PDB file of N, CA and C in Angstrom:
ATOM      1  N   VAL A   1       0.732  -1.104   0.056  1.00  0.00           N
ATOM      2  CA  VAL A   1       0.208   0.099  -0.082  1.00  0.00           C
ATOM      3  C   VAL A   1       0.761   1.245   0.039  1.00  0.00           C
ATOM      4  N   TRP A   2       0.438   2.128  -0.748  1.00  0.00           N
ATOM      5  CA  TRP A   2       0.793   3.593  -0.547  1.00  0.00           C
ATOM      6  C   TRP A   2       0.476   4.537  -0.020  1.00  0.00           C
ATOM      7  N   ILE A   3       1.155   5.462   1.242  1.00  0.00           N
ATOM      8  CA  ILE A   3       0.146   6.285   1.774  1.00  0.00           C
ATOM      9  C   ILE A   3       1.208   7.499   1.293  1.00  0.00           C
ATOM     10  N   THR A   4      -0.425   8.560   1.830  1.00  0.00           N
ATOM     11  CA  THR A   4       0.299  10.071   1.047  1.00  0.00           C
ATOM     12  C   THR A   4       0.492  10.428   2.843  1.00  0.00           C
ATOM     13  N   GLU A   5       1.393  11.118   3.307  1.00  0.00           N
ATOM     14  CA  GLU A   5       0.973  12.016   4.239  1.00  0.00           C
ATOM     15  C   GLU A   5       0.300  13.878   4.152  1.00  0.00           C
ATOM     16  N   ALA A   6      -0.722  13.781   4.187  1.00  0.00           N
ATOM     17  CA  ALA A   6      -1.475  14.884   4.724  1.00  0.00           C
ATOM     18  C   ALA A   6      -0.801  16.377   4.184  1.00  0.00           C
ATOM     19  N   SER A   7      -0.211  16.150   5.110  1.00  0.00           N
ATOM     20  CA  SER A   7       0.801  18.027   6.301  1.00  0.00           C
ATOM     21  C   SER A   7       1.981  18.077   5.173  1.00  0.00           C
ATOM     22  N   THR A   8       2.397  16.718   4.627  1.00  0.00           N
ATOM     23  CA  THR A   8       3.750  16.526   3.587  1.00  0.00           C
ATOM     24  C   THR A   8       3.329  16.645   2.241  1.00  0.00           C
ATOM     25  N   GLY A   9       2.882  15.455   2.331  1.00  0.00           N
ATOM     26  CA  GLY A   9       2.844  15.025   0.586  1.00  0.00           C
ATOM     27  C   GLY A   9       3.863  14.268   0.882  1.00  0.00           C
ATOM     28  N   GLU A  10       4.365  14.065   1.955  1.00  0.00           N
ATOM     29  CA  GLU A  10       5.715  12.521   1.263  1.00  0.00           C
ATOM     30  C   GLU A  10       4.801  11.024   1.627  1.00  0.00           C
ATOM     31  N   THR A  11       5.073  10.581   0.516  1.00  0.00           N
ATOM     32  CA  THR A  11       5.153   9.406  -0.270  1.00  0.00           C
ATOM     33  C   THR A  11       5.746   8.410   0.637  1.00  0.00           C
ATOM     34  N   THR A  12       4.993   6.733   1.029  1.00  0.00           N
ATOM     35  CA  THR A  12       5.713   5.682   1.657  1.00  0.00           C
ATOM     36  C   THR A  12       4.958   4.809   1.086  1.00  0.00           C
ATOM     37  N   GLU A  13       6.075   3.131   0.203  1.00  0.00           N
ATOM     38  CA  GLU A  13       4.968   2.475   0.723  1.00  0.00           C
ATOM     39  C   GLU A  13       5.130   1.252   1.565  1.00  0.00           C
ATOM     40  N   LEU A  14       4.327   0.883   1.768  1.00  0.00           N
ATOM     41  CA  LEU A  14       4.522  -0.241   2.812  1.00  0.00           C
ATOM     42  C   LEU A  14       3.813  -1.505   2.861  1.00  0.00           C
ATOM     43  N   THR A  15       3.961  -2.594   3.226  1.00  0.00           N
ATOM     44  CA  THR A  15       3.728  -4.004   2.813  1.00  0.00           C
ATOM     45  C   THR A  15       3.085  -4.585   4.028  1.00  0.00           C
ATOM     46  N   ILE A  16       1.454  -4.603   4.113  1.00  0.00           N
ATOM     47  CA  ILE A  16       0.945  -4.911   5.669  1.00  0.00           C
ATOM     48  C   ILE A  16       1.493  -6.759   5.786  1.00  0.00           C
ATOM     49  N   VAL A  17       2.485  -7.432   6.821  1.00  0.00           N
ATOM     50  CA  VAL A  17       2.347  -9.181   6.820  1.00  0.00           C
ATOM     51  C   VAL A  17       2.540  -9.210   8.221  1.00  0.00           C
ATOM     52  N   LEU A  18       2.345 -10.658   7.858  1.00  0.00           N
ATOM     53  CA  LEU A  18       1.914 -11.314   9.067  1.00  0.00           C
ATOM     54  C   LEU A  18       2.922 -10.985  10.191  1.00  0.00           C
ATOM     55  N   PRO A  19       2.649 -11.033  11.813  1.00  0.00           N
ATOM     56  CA  PRO A  19       4.125 -10.527  12.712  1.00  0.00           C
ATOM     57  C   PRO A  19       5.010 -10.848  12.060  1.00  0.00           C
ATOM     58  N   GLN A  20       4.888 -12.385  12.020  1.00  0.00           N
ATOM     59  CA  GLN A  20       6.869 -13.123  11.992  1.00  0.00           C
ATOM     60  C   GLN A  20       7.683 -12.269  10.592  1.00  0.00           C
ATOM     61  N   HIS A  21       6.937 -11.756   9.997  1.00  0.00           N
ATOM     62  CA  HIS A  21       7.286 -11.698   8.430  1.00  0.00           C
ATOM     63  C   HIS A  21       8.142 -10.079   8.495  1.00  0.00           C
ATOM     64  N   ALA A  22       7.153  -9.558   9.997  1.00  0.00           N
ATOM     65  CA  ALA A  22       7.631  -7.850   9.931  1.00  0.00           C
ATOM     66  C   ALA A  22       9.269  -7.659   9.887  1.00  0.00           C
ATOM     67  N   ASP A  23       9.345  -6.498   9.229  1.00  0.00           N
ATOM     68  CA  ASP A  23      10.966  -6.283   8.893  1.00  0.00           C
ATOM     69  C   ASP A  23      10.652  -4.480   9.230  1.00  0.00           C
ATOM     70  N   ILE A  24      10.942  -3.392   9.440  1.00  0.00           N
ATOM     71  CA  ILE A  24      10.622  -2.287   9.575  1.00  0.00           C
ATOM     72  C   ILE A  24      11.668  -1.429   8.816  1.00  0.00           C
ATOM     73  N   LYS A  25      13.251  -2.274   8.635  1.00  0.00           N
ATOM     74  CA  LYS A  25      13.205  -1.636   7.662  1.00  0.00           C
ATOM     75  C   LYS A  25      13.262  -1.736   6.421  1.00  0.00           C
ATOM     76  N   ALA A  26      12.787  -2.563   6.117  1.00  0.00           N
ATOM     77  CA  ALA A  26      12.633  -3.152   4.226  1.00  0.00           C
ATOM     78  C   ALA A  26      11.334  -2.668   4.109  1.00  0.00           C
ATOM     79  N   LYS A  27      10.043  -2.549   5.095  1.00  0.00           N
ATOM     80  CA  LYS A  27       8.312  -1.162   5.390  1.00  0.00           C
ATOM     81  C   LYS A  27       7.752  -1.980   5.094  1.00  0.00           C
ATOM     82  N   LYS A  28       8.145  -3.237   5.514  1.00  0.00           N
ATOM     83  CA  LYS A  28       7.293  -4.737   5.857  1.00  0.00           C
ATOM     84  C   LYS A  28       6.807  -4.578   7.650  1.00  0.00           C
ATOM     85  N   ILE A  29       5.569  -4.218   7.796  1.00  0.00           N
ATOM     86  CA  ILE A  29       5.019  -4.288   9.116  1.00  0.00           C
ATOM     87  C   ILE A  29       3.380  -4.708   8.822  1.00  0.00           C
ATOM     88  N   SER A  30       3.906  -5.616  10.697  1.00  0.00           N
ATOM     89  CA  SER A  30       2.873  -6.204  11.092  1.00  0.00           C
ATOM     90  C   SER A  30       1.426  -5.916  10.953  1.00  0.00           C
ATOM     91  N   VAL A  31       0.361  -7.198  10.214  1.00  0.00           N
ATOM     92  CA  VAL A  31      -0.630  -6.624  10.598  1.00  0.00           C
ATOM     93  C   VAL A  31      -1.134  -6.429  12.139  1.00  0.00           C
ATOM     94  N   LEU A  32      -1.139  -6.808  13.476  1.00  0.00           N
ATOM     95  CA  LEU A  32      -1.258  -6.672  14.622  1.00  0.00           C
ATOM     96  C   LEU A  32      -0.420  -4.479  15.059  1.00  0.00           C
ATOM     97  N   THR A  33      -0.046  -4.032  14.270  1.00  0.00           N
ATOM     98  CA  THR A  33      -0.010  -2.725  14.559  1.00  0.00           C
ATOM     99  C   THR A  33       0.020  -1.549  14.144  1.00  0.00           C
ATOM    100  N   PRO A  34      -1.100  -0.510  14.792  1.00  0.00           N
ATOM    101  CA  PRO A  34      -1.516   0.420  14.913  1.00  0.00           C
ATOM    102  C   PRO A  34      -1.501   1.202  13.407  1.00  0.00           C
ATOM    103  N   ILE A  35      -0.384   1.028  12.869  1.00  0.00           N
ATOM    104  CA  ILE A  35      -0.566   1.596  11.130  1.00  0.00           C
ATOM    105  C   ILE A  35      -1.447   1.065  10.635  1.00  0.00           C
ATOM    106  N   ALA A  36      -1.073  -0.824  10.378  1.00  0.00           N
ATOM    107  CA  ALA A  36      -1.670  -1.884   9.937  1.00  0.00           C
ATOM    108  C   ALA A  36      -2.963  -1.651  10.111  1.00  0.00           C
ATOM    109  N   ALA A  37      -3.752  -1.653  11.373  1.00  0.00           N
ATOM    110  CA  ALA A  37      -4.920  -2.267  11.998  1.00  0.00           C
ATOM    111  C   ALA A  37      -5.921  -0.452  10.866  1.00  0.00           C
ATOM    112  N   ALA A  38      -5.336   0.581  11.171  1.00  0.00           N
ATOM    113  CA  ALA A  38      -5.725   1.711  10.585  1.00  0.00           C
ATOM    114  C   ALA A  38      -6.046   1.528   8.921  1.00  0.00           C
ATOM    115  N   LEU A  39      -5.080   1.524   8.307  1.00  0.00           N
ATOM    116  CA  LEU A  39      -5.521   1.048   7.033  1.00  0.00           C
ATOM    117  C   LEU A  39      -6.608   0.025   6.492  1.00  0.00           C
ATOM    118  N   ILE A  40      -6.052  -1.397   7.025  1.00  0.00           N
ATOM    119  CA  ILE A  40      -7.479  -2.859   6.157  1.00  0.00           C
ATOM    120  C   ILE A  40      -8.792  -1.863   6.724  1.00  0.00           C
ATOM    121  N   GLY A  41      -9.142  -2.087   5.294  1.00  0.00           N
ATOM    122  CA  GLY A  41     -10.888  -2.460   4.963  1.00  0.00           C
ATOM    123  C   GLY A  41     -10.826  -0.803   4.253  1.00  0.00           C
ATOM    124  N   PHE A  42      -9.507   0.402   3.807  1.00  0.00           N
ATOM    125  CA  PHE A  42      -9.649   1.544   3.115  1.00  0.00           C
ATOM    126  C   PHE A  42      -8.954   0.931   2.106  1.00  0.00           C
ATOM    127  N   ARG A  43      -9.199   2.066   0.882  1.00  0.00           N
ATOM    128  CA  ARG A  43      -9.716   1.818  -0.668  1.00  0.00           C
ATOM    129  C   ARG A  43      -8.663   2.662  -1.128  1.00  0.00           C
ATOM    130  N   LYS A  44      -8.194   2.516  -2.055  1.00  0.00           N
ATOM    131  CA  LYS A  44      -7.642   3.912  -3.023  1.00  0.00           C
ATOM    132  C   LYS A  44      -8.351   5.056  -3.074  1.00  0.00           C
ATOM    133  N   GLY A  45      -7.419   5.806  -2.400  1.00  0.00           N
ATOM    134  CA  GLY A  45      -8.223   7.257  -3.034  1.00  0.00           C
ATOM    135  C   GLY A  45      -9.010   7.524  -1.306  1.00  0.00           C
ATOM    136  N   GLU A  46      -8.947   7.305  -1.068  1.00  0.00           N
ATOM    137  CA  GLU A  46      -9.820   7.267   0.742  1.00  0.00           C
ATOM    138  C   GLU A  46      -8.698   8.001   1.716  1.00  0.00           C
ATOM    139  N   THR A  47      -9.393   8.436   2.426  1.00  0.00           N
ATOM    140  CA  THR A  47      -9.002   9.246   3.891  1.00  0.00           C
ATOM    141  C   THR A  47      -8.042   8.719   5.363  1.00  0.00           C
ATOM    142  N   VAL A  48      -7.094   8.044   5.243  1.00  0.00           N
ATOM    143  CA  VAL A  48      -7.244   7.430   6.777  1.00  0.00           C
ATOM    144  C   VAL A  48      -6.830   8.751   7.854  1.00  0.00           C
ATOM    145  N   GLN A  49      -7.450   8.904   9.114  1.00  0.00           N
ATOM    146  CA  GLN A  49      -6.268   8.775  10.375  1.00  0.00           C
ATOM    147  C   GLN A  49      -6.040   7.945  11.137  1.00  0.00           C
ATOM    148  N   TRP A  50      -5.340   8.850  12.340  1.00  0.00           N
ATOM    149  CA  TRP A  50      -4.455   7.107  13.264  1.00  0.00           C
ATOM    150  C   TRP A  50      -3.834   8.095  13.938  1.00  0.00           C
ATOM    151  N   LYS A  51      -3.426   8.015  15.588  1.00  0.00           N
ATOM    152  CA  LYS A  51      -3.327   9.118  16.602  1.00  0.00           C
ATOM    153  C   LYS A  51      -1.624   8.437  16.717  1.00  0.00           C
ATOM    154  N   VAL A  52      -0.608   8.884  16.718  1.00  0.00           N
ATOM    155  CA  VAL A  52       0.574   9.066  16.785  1.00  0.00           C
ATOM    156  C   VAL A  52       1.214   9.836  17.934  1.00  0.00           C
ATOM    157  N   ARG A  53       2.486   9.095  18.821  1.00  0.00           N
ATOM    158  CA  ARG A  53       2.909  10.250  20.189  1.00  0.00           C
ATOM    159  C   ARG A  53       3.366  11.372  19.787  1.00  0.00           C
ATOM    160  N   ALA A  54       2.680  11.866  17.986  1.00  0.00           N
ATOM    161  CA  ALA A  54       3.239  13.437  17.676  1.00  0.00           C
ATOM    162  C   ALA A  54       1.877  13.661  17.194  1.00  0.00           C
ATOM    163  N   GLY A  55       1.004  13.252  17.385  1.00  0.00           N
ATOM    164  CA  GLY A  55      -0.207  13.762  17.079  1.00  0.00           C
ATOM    165  C   GLY A  55      -0.779  13.280  16.340  1.00  0.00           C
ATOM    166  N   LEU A  56      -2.178  13.186  15.384  1.00  0.00           N
ATOM    167  CA  LEU A  56      -2.835  12.925  14.867  1.00  0.00           C
ATOM    168  C   LEU A  56      -2.824  12.654  13.404  1.00  0.00           C
ATOM    169  N   LYS A  57      -2.067  11.451  13.072  1.00  0.00           N
ATOM    170  CA  LYS A  57      -1.088  11.702  11.601  1.00  0.00           C
ATOM    171  C   LYS A  57      -2.866  11.486  10.265  1.00  0.00           C
ATOM    172  N   VAL A  58      -2.848  12.038   9.354  1.00  0.00           N
ATOM    173  CA  VAL A  58      -3.776  12.148   8.549  1.00  0.00           C
ATOM    174  C   VAL A  58      -3.071  11.800   6.965  1.00  0.00           C
ATOM    175  N   PHE A  59      -3.737  10.273   6.565  1.00  0.00           N
ATOM    176  CA  PHE A  59      -3.229  10.307   5.244  1.00  0.00           C
ATOM    177  C   PHE A  59      -3.935   9.774   3.938  1.00  0.00           C
ATOM    178  N   LYS A  60      -3.043   9.797   2.887  1.00  0.00           N
ATOM    179  CA  LYS A  60      -4.409   9.241   1.631  1.00  0.00           C
ATOM    180  C   LYS A  60      -4.248   8.118   0.790  1.00  0.00           C
ATOM    181  N   ILE A  61      -4.356   6.897   0.773  1.00  0.00           N
ATOM    182  CA  ILE A  61      -4.256   5.951   0.170  1.00  0.00           C
ATOM    183  C   ILE A  61      -4.313   6.015  -1.263  1.00  0.00           C
ATOM    184  N   THR A  62      -3.262   6.414  -1.729  1.00  0.00           N
ATOM    185  CA  THR A  62      -2.961   6.462  -3.290  1.00  0.00           C
ATOM    186  C   THR A  62      -3.382   4.929  -3.933  1.00  0.00           C
ATOM    187  N   ASP A  63      -2.703   3.868  -4.101  1.00  0.00           N
ATOM    188  CA  ASP A  63      -1.896   3.190  -4.245  1.00  0.00           C
ATOM    189  C   ASP A  63      -2.225   1.692  -3.200  1.00  0.00           C
ATOM    190  N   VAL A  64      -2.783   1.024  -3.577  1.00  0.00           N
ATOM    191  CA  VAL A  64      -2.583  -0.445  -2.990  1.00  0.00           C
ATOM    192  C   VAL A  64      -2.966  -1.640  -3.684  1.00  0.00           C
ATOM    193  N   LYS A  65      -1.879  -2.672  -3.877  1.00  0.00           N
ATOM    194  CA  LYS A  65      -1.640  -3.601  -4.809  1.00  0.00           C
ATOM    195  C   LYS A  65      -1.323  -4.688  -3.633  1.00  0.00           C
ATOM    196  N   PRO A  66      -2.449  -6.098  -4.692  1.00  0.00           N
ATOM    197  CA  PRO A  66      -2.064  -7.114  -3.769  1.00  0.00           C
ATOM    198  C   PRO A  66      -1.082  -7.287  -4.336  1.00  0.00           C
ATOM    199  N   ARG A  67      -0.467  -8.572  -2.890  1.00  0.00           N
ATOM    200  CA  ARG A  67      -0.238  -9.767  -3.392  1.00  0.00           C
ATOM    201  C   ARG A  67       0.796 -10.140  -4.284  1.00  0.00           C
ATOM    202  N   GLN A  68       2.064 -10.149  -5.230  1.00  0.00           N
ATOM    203  CA  GLN A  68       2.389 -11.299  -5.876  1.00  0.00           C
ATOM    204  C   GLN A  68       2.029 -12.805  -5.646  1.00  0.00           C
ATOM    205  N   ALA A  69       2.168 -14.182  -5.850  1.00  0.00           N
ATOM    206  CA  ALA A  69       2.230 -15.141  -5.669  1.00  0.00           C
ATOM    207  C   ALA A  69       3.706 -15.669  -6.598  1.00  0.00           C
TER     208      ALA A  69
END
């Protein structure tokens, strides 16, 4: 999933994976993390917000690609 932060315009690619495959350096986040939980169920073009230590973050989902087998 590609997300763009509303306040900065910065785009980040993240891959949502099972906990045992999580690797933040590779931008693979566990399905159990707050950011992944916030993204699940939303579609391309939708806006998602969640609370982090620094405050409320607002992101737009700019693209979603299913895992390739």
